Protein backbone atom coordinates (compact mmCIF):
# COMPACT_ATOMS: atom_id res chain seq x y z
CA MET A 1 6.56 -4.29 -20.06
CA HIS A 2 5.10 -1.51 -17.97
CA MET A 3 6.03 2.09 -18.52
CA ARG A 4 7.86 4.01 -15.81
CA LYS A 5 6.72 7.63 -15.62
CA GLU A 6 7.29 10.65 -13.40
CA ILE A 7 5.12 13.64 -12.51
CA GLN A 8 6.32 16.81 -10.83
CA LEU A 9 3.48 17.74 -8.45
CA THR A 10 2.35 21.31 -7.83
CA ASN A 11 3.60 20.92 -4.22
CA GLY A 12 7.14 20.44 -5.55
CA VAL A 13 7.37 16.68 -4.94
CA LYS A 14 8.26 14.38 -7.84
CA LEU A 15 6.33 11.10 -7.85
CA ALA A 16 7.35 8.10 -9.96
CA TYR A 17 4.91 5.41 -11.05
CA VAL A 18 4.47 2.52 -13.45
CA GLU A 19 1.46 1.96 -15.68
CA GLU A 20 0.16 -0.96 -17.72
CA GLY A 21 -3.09 -2.00 -19.39
CA THR A 22 -6.36 -0.31 -20.32
CA GLY A 23 -9.79 -0.15 -18.75
CA GLU A 24 -10.92 1.18 -15.39
CA ALA A 25 -8.06 2.65 -13.38
CA VAL A 26 -6.73 0.65 -10.43
CA VAL A 27 -4.12 2.47 -8.32
CA LEU A 28 -1.78 0.45 -6.07
CA LEU A 29 0.14 1.89 -3.10
CA HIS A 30 3.01 -0.15 -1.63
CA GLY A 31 4.06 -0.62 1.99
CA PHE A 32 6.88 0.85 4.11
CA CYS A 33 10.36 0.54 2.57
CA GLY A 34 8.73 -0.86 -0.55
CA SER A 35 8.14 0.58 -4.01
CA SER A 36 6.01 0.00 -7.08
CA ARG A 37 8.24 -3.06 -7.66
CA TYR A 38 6.32 -4.81 -4.86
CA TRP A 39 3.54 -5.26 -7.43
CA ASP A 40 5.71 -6.70 -10.24
CA LYS A 41 4.01 -10.14 -10.06
CA LEU A 42 0.54 -8.63 -9.77
CA ILE A 43 0.62 -5.98 -12.52
CA PRO A 44 0.81 -8.44 -15.48
CA LEU A 45 -2.20 -10.34 -14.06
CA LEU A 46 -4.34 -7.32 -13.19
CA SER A 47 -3.50 -5.34 -16.33
CA ARG A 48 -5.19 -7.96 -18.53
CA THR A 49 -8.51 -6.38 -17.57
CA HIS A 50 -7.63 -3.01 -16.01
CA ARG A 51 -5.45 0.06 -16.34
CA VAL A 52 -3.04 -0.49 -13.44
CA LEU A 53 -0.97 2.35 -11.96
CA ALA A 54 1.50 1.58 -9.15
CA VAL A 55 2.94 4.64 -7.44
CA ASP A 56 6.17 5.13 -5.49
CA LEU A 57 5.10 7.05 -2.38
CA ARG A 58 7.21 10.06 -1.37
CA GLY A 59 10.42 8.89 0.32
CA HIS A 60 10.32 5.57 -1.57
CA GLY A 61 11.41 4.04 -4.86
CA HIS A 62 12.16 6.58 -7.58
CA SER A 63 10.05 9.33 -6.00
CA ALA A 64 11.51 12.36 -4.24
CA ALA A 65 12.39 12.04 -0.54
CA PRO A 66 12.08 15.57 0.87
CA ASP A 67 13.57 15.99 4.35
CA GLU A 68 10.48 17.45 6.01
CA PRO A 69 7.77 16.01 8.24
CA TYR A 70 5.57 13.46 6.43
CA SER A 71 2.04 12.52 7.51
CA MET A 72 -0.67 10.24 6.17
CA GLU A 73 -2.56 13.37 5.14
CA ARG A 74 0.48 14.60 3.22
CA PHE A 75 0.98 11.24 1.48
CA ALA A 76 -2.74 11.32 0.56
CA GLU A 77 -2.46 14.87 -0.77
CA ASP A 78 0.46 13.74 -2.98
CA ILE A 79 -1.82 11.04 -4.42
CA ALA A 80 -4.65 13.54 -5.00
CA LEU A 81 -2.32 15.91 -6.89
CA TRP A 82 -0.77 13.00 -8.79
CA ALA A 83 -4.17 11.58 -9.82
CA GLU A 84 -5.24 14.98 -11.09
CA ALA A 85 -2.02 15.42 -13.07
CA ALA A 86 -2.33 11.87 -14.47
CA GLY A 87 -5.88 12.62 -15.61
CA LEU A 88 -7.62 10.12 -13.34
CA ALA A 89 -11.16 11.36 -12.69
CA LYS A 90 -12.30 8.31 -10.69
CA PHE A 91 -10.31 5.25 -9.72
CA HIS A 92 -10.12 2.20 -7.45
CA LEU A 93 -7.41 2.63 -4.76
CA PHE A 94 -5.72 -0.26 -2.96
CA GLY A 95 -3.03 0.18 -0.32
CA HIS A 96 -0.65 -2.36 1.18
CA SER A 97 0.22 -1.79 4.88
CA LEU A 98 1.53 1.84 4.92
CA GLY A 99 -0.25 2.24 1.57
CA GLY A 100 -3.47 1.27 3.35
CA TYR A 101 -2.97 4.01 5.95
CA VAL A 102 -2.58 6.45 3.05
CA THR A 103 -5.65 4.98 1.34
CA LEU A 104 -7.78 5.59 4.46
CA ALA A 105 -6.54 9.19 4.72
CA PHE A 106 -7.35 9.63 1.03
CA ALA A 107 -10.83 8.07 1.33
CA GLU A 108 -11.59 10.34 4.30
CA LYS A 109 -10.90 13.50 2.31
CA HIS A 110 -11.33 12.57 -1.37
CA ALA A 111 -14.15 10.00 -1.49
CA ASP A 112 -15.51 11.78 -4.57
CA LYS A 113 -12.43 10.65 -6.54
CA LEU A 114 -12.90 6.97 -5.66
CA ALA A 115 -15.01 4.22 -7.24
CA SER A 116 -13.93 1.88 -4.42
CA PHE A 117 -10.96 1.29 -2.12
CA GLY A 118 -9.22 -1.50 -0.28
CA LEU A 119 -6.74 -2.33 2.47
CA ILE A 120 -4.22 -5.10 1.87
CA HIS A 121 -2.48 -6.34 5.04
CA SER A 122 -3.34 -3.01 6.66
CA THR A 123 -5.44 -1.64 9.51
CA PRO A 124 -7.50 1.41 10.47
CA PHE A 125 -6.06 1.25 14.01
CA PRO A 126 -3.28 3.65 15.10
CA ASP A 127 0.01 2.57 16.68
CA ASP A 128 -0.16 1.59 20.34
CA GLU A 129 2.55 2.82 22.71
CA ALA A 130 4.81 -0.19 22.09
CA ALA A 131 4.56 0.27 18.32
CA LYS A 132 5.33 4.00 18.66
CA ALA A 133 8.47 3.20 20.68
CA ASN A 134 9.45 0.72 17.96
CA ARG A 135 9.09 3.36 15.24
CA ASN A 136 11.45 5.65 17.19
CA LYS A 137 13.92 2.78 17.63
CA GLY A 138 13.79 2.05 13.91
CA ALA A 139 14.43 5.69 13.03
CA ASP A 140 17.40 5.78 15.44
CA SER A 141 18.80 2.58 13.93
CA ILE A 142 18.58 3.94 10.37
CA ARG A 143 20.12 7.25 11.44
CA GLU A 144 23.06 5.47 13.08
CA ASN A 145 23.59 2.43 10.85
CA GLY A 146 21.85 3.11 7.54
CA MET A 147 19.20 0.96 5.86
CA GLU A 148 20.91 -2.41 5.64
CA PRO A 149 20.72 -3.75 9.24
CA PHE A 150 17.18 -2.40 9.62
CA ILE A 151 15.93 -4.06 6.41
CA LYS A 152 17.71 -7.37 7.13
CA ALA A 153 15.86 -7.56 10.45
CA LEU A 154 12.52 -6.37 9.05
CA VAL A 155 11.96 -8.28 5.82
CA PRO A 156 11.91 -11.91 7.09
CA LYS A 157 9.10 -10.95 9.50
CA LEU A 158 7.01 -9.71 6.55
CA PHE A 159 6.66 -13.20 5.07
CA ALA A 160 4.86 -16.27 6.40
CA PRO A 161 7.50 -18.26 8.35
CA ASP A 162 7.58 -21.15 5.85
CA HIS A 163 7.95 -18.74 2.93
CA VAL A 164 11.23 -17.29 4.21
CA ALA A 165 12.89 -20.54 3.11
CA SER A 166 10.66 -21.41 0.12
CA LEU A 167 10.41 -17.95 -1.49
CA THR A 168 14.07 -16.94 -1.29
CA GLN A 169 13.92 -14.89 -4.51
CA GLU A 170 10.88 -12.90 -3.32
CA VAL A 171 12.47 -12.30 0.09
CA GLN A 172 15.65 -11.06 -1.62
CA THR A 173 13.60 -8.76 -3.89
CA ALA A 174 11.91 -7.21 -0.85
CA LYS A 175 15.32 -6.73 0.79
CA ASP A 176 16.80 -5.13 -2.33
CA ILE A 177 13.89 -2.68 -2.56
CA GLY A 178 14.36 -1.88 1.13
CA PHE A 179 18.12 -1.37 0.80
CA ALA A 180 17.47 1.14 -2.01
CA THR A 181 15.00 3.17 0.07
CA SER A 182 16.10 6.69 1.02
CA PRO A 183 17.13 6.77 4.72
CA VAL A 184 15.57 10.24 5.03
CA GLY A 185 12.36 8.95 3.47
CA ALA A 186 12.28 5.90 5.74
CA ILE A 187 12.84 7.95 8.91
CA GLN A 188 10.19 10.54 8.03
CA THR A 189 7.76 7.73 7.14
CA LEU A 190 8.37 5.95 10.47
CA TYR A 191 7.39 9.15 12.31
CA ALA A 192 4.33 9.58 10.06
CA MET A 193 3.17 6.02 10.85
CA ARG A 194 3.84 6.57 14.56
CA ASP A 195 1.65 9.68 14.61
CA ARG A 196 -1.22 8.50 12.39
CA PRO A 197 -4.72 8.78 13.87
CA ASP A 198 -7.34 6.06 14.28
CA ARG A 199 -9.38 5.81 11.07
CA ASN A 200 -11.91 3.10 11.98
CA HIS A 201 -14.63 5.71 11.41
CA VAL A 202 -13.75 5.87 7.72
CA LEU A 203 -14.57 2.17 7.28
CA GLN A 204 -17.66 2.45 9.46
CA GLU A 205 -19.08 5.48 7.66
CA THR A 206 -17.99 5.24 4.01
CA ALA A 207 -20.62 4.70 1.34
CA LEU A 208 -17.95 3.31 -1.01
CA PRO A 209 -17.40 -0.40 -1.63
CA VAL A 210 -14.42 -1.63 0.43
CA LEU A 211 -12.15 -4.66 0.01
CA LEU A 212 -10.25 -5.90 3.08
CA VAL A 213 -7.50 -8.45 2.36
CA ALA A 214 -5.65 -10.25 5.16
CA GLY A 215 -2.96 -12.93 5.26
CA ALA A 216 -3.72 -15.81 7.63
CA LYS A 217 -0.01 -15.96 8.54
CA ASP A 218 0.60 -12.20 8.84
CA GLN A 219 2.98 -11.57 11.76
CA ILE A 220 2.81 -7.77 11.42
CA ILE A 221 -0.94 -7.05 11.26
CA PRO A 222 -3.15 -9.89 12.55
CA VAL A 223 -6.32 -10.73 10.62
CA GLU A 224 -8.67 -9.24 13.23
CA LYS A 225 -6.92 -5.87 12.93
CA THR A 226 -7.75 -5.83 9.19
CA PHE A 227 -11.27 -7.30 9.31
CA THR A 228 -12.54 -4.59 11.67
CA VAL A 229 -15.99 -3.94 10.16
CA GLU A 230 -18.92 -6.07 9.03
CA ARG A 231 -21.01 -4.14 6.50
CA SER A 232 -22.92 -5.18 3.38
CA HIS A 233 -20.55 -3.36 1.00
CA VAL A 234 -17.34 -4.40 2.80
CA VAL A 235 -15.78 -7.57 1.37
CA HIS A 236 -13.37 -9.71 3.45
CA ARG A 237 -10.82 -11.86 1.59
CA LEU A 238 -8.40 -14.11 3.46
CA LEU A 239 -5.20 -15.35 1.79
CA PRO A 240 -4.72 -18.66 3.66
CA ASP A 241 -0.98 -19.11 3.08
CA ALA A 242 0.22 -15.50 2.98
CA GLY A 243 1.97 -13.42 5.60
CA HIS A 244 2.16 -9.63 5.19
CA MET A 245 3.23 -9.75 1.51
CA GLY A 246 0.36 -11.23 -0.51
CA MET A 247 1.54 -9.50 -3.69
CA LEU A 248 4.76 -11.57 -3.50
CA GLU A 249 3.48 -14.64 -1.61
CA ALA A 250 0.12 -15.23 -3.34
CA PRO A 251 -0.04 -12.92 -6.38
CA GLU A 252 -2.63 -14.99 -8.29
CA GLN A 253 -5.02 -15.10 -5.32
CA LEU A 254 -4.56 -11.40 -4.57
CA SER A 255 -4.98 -10.40 -8.21
CA GLU A 256 -8.16 -12.48 -8.45
CA ALA A 257 -9.53 -10.88 -5.26
CA ILE A 258 -8.88 -7.36 -6.56
CA ALA A 259 -10.11 -8.05 -10.12
CA ASP A 260 -13.28 -9.74 -8.85
CA PHE A 261 -14.02 -6.87 -6.45
CA VAL A 262 -13.31 -4.13 -9.01
CA GLY A 263 -15.37 -5.96 -11.64
CA LYS A 264 -18.38 -6.01 -9.34
CA ASN A 265 -17.94 -2.31 -8.52
CA SER A 266 -17.07 -0.93 -11.94
CA LYS A 267 -19.05 1.53 -14.03
CA SER A 268 -19.88 -1.26 -16.46
CA ALA A 269 -21.02 -3.75 -13.80
CA PRO A 270 -24.71 -4.69 -13.93
CA SER A 271 -26.61 -3.09 -11.06
CA ALA A 272 -27.84 -5.54 -8.44
């Protein structure tokens, strides 16, 4: 069973995380209104070959939810301070959705700490005007009615349509994690997502190996918004049956994609 740990960061924020396995460090960042529990199916698979650390972002899971403005840069700074405190010199960073936005902000500023990085059901594009209006509506809804109605409306859209009926346990798990999310954390995160900048340049300019994972049935972020660059060291992996939640909908395929990519880009990998 993986170990739950907590670190009090030098910026005053407490971050919780789980850790399992040995080997090269693979850090996983969950999506909006998720937590490290999003990766519960993936961690046992990935930790056979790697040291896996799944973090609760600020405002989520067991981490602190300070009532102050969040930003992708601030989330990324939390991860930088956390990695330092956890003794991670270099690691592979993979972010799901919101976690991908944080990963891009981290890669922009802290490339020296990364061996590679990846986006899972995420995009380097910013919110368009309609999406920004939706973030504001979501924040208003949470402020007025709490988490439950918001999460009940959100979670079914995260899964491929046929999985809503066939993966009832996974859908319920995602709802339960959402219900437990701090309303303050969720509201501040909505505003941070609304205001995030375009980071296509990070993917276009990085010298690091990049893994881009998309779900063919993703109703939140379409495939073409994830596969935005064609470069020799950027790998595209499509999960044919997954929506926006590959770690719950296709954990074996996603784990294999990450393990294969990390294996090819690890310190011990033979040079091409």
